[in-house]
Amino acid sequence: MGVRILLSKQFSHDQQKIYLLASFIMTQCLFFIDEGYYDFRWMLSFGNWVAFVIYFLVLYLAQVTLSILLFWIKPDNLNKAVIVVAGLVLGIAFCFWWLSN
């Protein structure tokens, strides 16, 4: 119950939409460059969609994790931007680390 109260106070629907949109856009850019060779042919392969979902979830969860860890900071626009950017960087770094092992 306590976690649910913390999450309901911490995340507004607008914040969740921002995190989801930022994760989707960043994952699309990564797949456009890496998997699709600068086009969207990657969308034709089911295996690429599985990888896309994994990358998307990792980026989203990195942003949510940072938001939970920094919950004591008053959520203003600058902090939201910092959480989005830092979460994306942390998520991408985790994906590269995970793939290199």
Protein backbone atom coordinates (compact mmCIF):
# COMPACT_ATOMS: atom_id res chain seq x y z
CA MET A 1 0.00 0.00 0.00
CA GLY A 2 2.81 2.44 0.85
CA VAL A 3 4.51 1.98 -2.51
CA ARG A 4 1.23 2.62 -4.31
CA ILE A 5 0.70 5.86 -2.37
CA LEU A 6 4.26 6.95 -3.14
CA LEU A 7 3.83 6.20 -6.83
CA SER A 8 0.45 7.93 -7.01
CA LYS A 9 1.88 11.05 -5.39
CA GLN A 10 5.06 10.90 -7.44
CA PHE A 11 3.69 10.27 -10.92
CA SER A 12 1.01 12.30 -12.53
CA HIS A 13 -0.45 11.09 -15.79
CA ASP A 14 1.39 13.89 -17.55
CA GLN A 15 4.73 12.69 -16.20
CA GLN A 16 4.01 9.14 -17.27
CA LYS A 17 3.11 10.36 -20.75
CA ILE A 18 6.36 12.36 -20.94
CA TYR A 19 8.44 9.35 -19.86
CA LEU A 20 6.67 7.04 -22.31
CA LEU A 21 6.98 9.51 -25.19
CA ALA A 22 10.66 10.19 -24.52
CA SER A 23 11.38 6.46 -24.33
CA PHE A 24 9.48 5.80 -27.55
CA ILE A 25 11.20 8.60 -29.48
CA MET A 26 14.68 7.62 -28.27
CA THR A 27 14.09 3.94 -29.07
CA GLN A 28 12.75 4.84 -32.54
CA CYS A 29 15.89 6.91 -33.20
CA LEU A 30 18.18 4.11 -32.05
CA PHE A 31 16.42 1.52 -34.21
CA PHE A 32 16.24 3.88 -37.19
CA ILE A 33 20.03 4.26 -37.09
CA ASP A 34 21.12 0.81 -35.93
CA GLU A 35 18.62 -1.81 -37.05
CA GLY A 36 17.07 -0.11 -40.08
CA TYR A 37 20.21 1.32 -41.65
CA TYR A 38 18.61 4.80 -41.73
CA ASP A 39 15.17 3.62 -42.79
CA PHE A 40 12.29 1.75 -41.19
CA ARG A 41 12.82 -1.70 -42.71
CA TRP A 42 13.51 -3.00 -39.22
CA MET A 43 9.75 -2.91 -38.56
CA LEU A 44 9.24 -5.89 -40.85
CA SER A 45 11.05 -8.30 -38.50
CA PHE A 46 9.33 -9.73 -35.43
CA GLY A 47 12.69 -10.21 -33.70
CA ASN A 48 13.44 -6.50 -33.99
CA TRP A 49 10.10 -5.70 -32.37
CA VAL A 50 11.01 -7.91 -29.41
CA ALA A 51 14.30 -6.03 -29.03
CA PHE A 52 12.44 -2.72 -29.46
CA VAL A 53 10.09 -3.54 -26.58
CA ILE A 54 13.03 -4.53 -24.35
CA TYR A 55 14.91 -1.29 -25.12
CA PHE A 56 11.73 0.76 -24.66
CA LEU A 57 11.00 -0.81 -21.26
CA VAL A 58 14.59 -0.37 -20.05
CA LEU A 59 14.58 3.32 -21.02
CA TYR A 60 11.18 3.89 -19.44
CA LEU A 61 12.07 2.04 -16.23
CA ALA A 62 15.33 3.98 -15.93
CA GLN A 63 13.34 7.22 -15.94
CA VAL A 64 10.84 5.88 -13.42
CA THR A 65 13.65 4.64 -11.18
CA LEU A 66 15.37 8.02 -11.21
CA SER A 67 12.08 9.70 -10.46
CA ILE A 68 11.52 7.41 -7.47
CA LEU A 69 15.07 7.91 -6.20
CA LEU A 70 14.73 11.67 -6.49
CA PHE A 71 11.18 11.92 -5.11
CA TRP A 72 12.16 14.43 -2.43
CA ILE A 73 13.01 17.06 -5.04
CA LYS A 74 10.06 19.26 -5.85
CA PRO A 75 8.98 18.28 -9.37
CA ASP A 76 9.35 21.41 -11.45
CA ASN A 77 10.03 21.57 -15.17
CA LEU A 78 13.83 21.57 -14.80
CA ASN A 79 13.81 18.47 -12.60
CA LYS A 80 11.46 16.69 -15.01
CA ALA A 81 13.82 17.46 -17.88
CA VAL A 82 16.83 16.27 -15.89
CA ILE A 83 15.05 13.02 -15.00
CA VAL A 84 14.06 12.41 -18.64
CA VAL A 85 17.56 13.05 -20.02
CA ALA A 86 19.40 11.25 -17.23
CA GLY A 87 16.98 8.32 -17.41
CA LEU A 88 17.50 7.95 -21.14
CA VAL A 89 21.28 8.09 -20.75
CA LEU A 90 21.18 5.60 -17.88
CA GLY A 91 18.90 3.26 -19.84
CA ILE A 92 21.08 3.36 -22.95
CA ALA A 93 24.20 2.79 -20.86
CA PHE A 94 22.54 -0.21 -19.20
CA CYS A 95 21.56 -1.65 -22.59
CA PHE A 96 25.11 -1.30 -23.92
CA TRP A 97 26.53 -2.84 -20.74
CA TRP A 98 24.02 -5.70 -20.88
CA LEU A 99 24.75 -6.41 -24.57
CA SER A 100 28.53 -6.30 -24.08
CA ASN A 101 28.45 -9.05 -21.41
